Amino acid sequence: MKPRIALVTGGYSGEAEVSYGSANTIQKNIDRNKFDLYRIDITRDGWYYTNTEGVKSTVNKNDFSIHIGSQKILFDGVLIAIHGTPGEDGKLQGYFDMLEIPYTTCDAGVSSITFNKRYTVAVASFSGITVSRSVLLFKEDSTKFEFLAEAKKLKFPVFVKPNNGGSSIGTTKVDKKESLDNAVARALKEDSQVLVEEFIPGREFTIGVYKTKGNIVPLPVTEIISKKEFFDFEAKYHGASNEVTPAEIDNALKNLIQTQAVKIYKIFNCSGVVRIDFIYNSADRKLYMLEINTVPGQTDASLVPQQILSTGGNLKDFYSAQIEECLRKKEK
């Protein structure tokens, strides 16, 4: 019998749109000779499986099972394609841990830490990874007179972003201290915590890293050349950027980015495929880590698929390797 794999998509955040796009790409590239795939839509209204005839049935959350006719389906593994909560912040991972069902992403603890941008840069900095200076603001303090005092001590321009989240939703670049209030208010609509982070001038790079058969493998480096002020949601998913894969850089810089990416993957004890974003400042010759995406996009416009294809590989083999790595966890 082929392993039964649940492909979970949707989610509870504004990133659900991207999640559905990722799931579509994955679904088209699963090796059906190796795996039986069942797509599960997780929404605030409920968790559902939709059969080939478009009929919805509810997922039993007690054991994460579905029924097809009189047959009960239990899953051997889960391929998580939810960006944002609850698929990227550790909530689903903790649920699957309780049920002892292996999954393709980082574990609950790592997912929770890396979803929180402040915790991520704190752990990275403590481990010797170069990061930008930043200040964390809490919504509960927003009525206090000194609410923005520490943030205004940073060197401007700064980025203001929701502390928990992805896809740059609610993120603003702020050039002057006078504009900080509005940017923070915008970010607070997305999250109760806001990270204010010094802008680092330089070239922006991103790289996928994954584990297969116990080996950590860096993918080719992509350079992001945004047509906007920064790599925001529109630049990421609606063509407002140029993405050069592999990046046109010398071997020294390529090796630096790949080495640092593998080091970060190890430091955070990552699993599955992650994407790590960097800024390289040529003036001080420093590589700054921006963030870690533990459920990177898999849409037709996404970066990890671009990087895989640039190696001469194909997505079918890549997703097969991710599922097989996931199933190996169950064997241990």
Foldseek 3Di string as FASTA:
>chain_A
DAFEEEEEAAAEAPCSVLLVQQSVLLVVQADPVRYHYWYWYDYPVAIWTADPVRDIDGQDLVQRWTDDDNDIDHGQAYEYSYFFPPRQQQPVLVSCVVNVRFYLFFHSVLSNQQLQQVSLVVLCVVVPAAAFDKDKAFLVCVVPPCRCVVLQPDDDFKKKAQRGGDQQQLIDTRGDPVCVVVSNVSRCVRHRMMMITHDDDAWKKKWKWADFPRDIDIFAIKTKAFLDPDCHNCVQPVVRIDIDPNDPDDPVVRVVVRVVVVVSCVSSVIHHMKMWMWGQDPVVRHIHTRGIGRNFGNHPRGDVQVRCVVVVHHPNVSVVRSVVVRSVVSVD
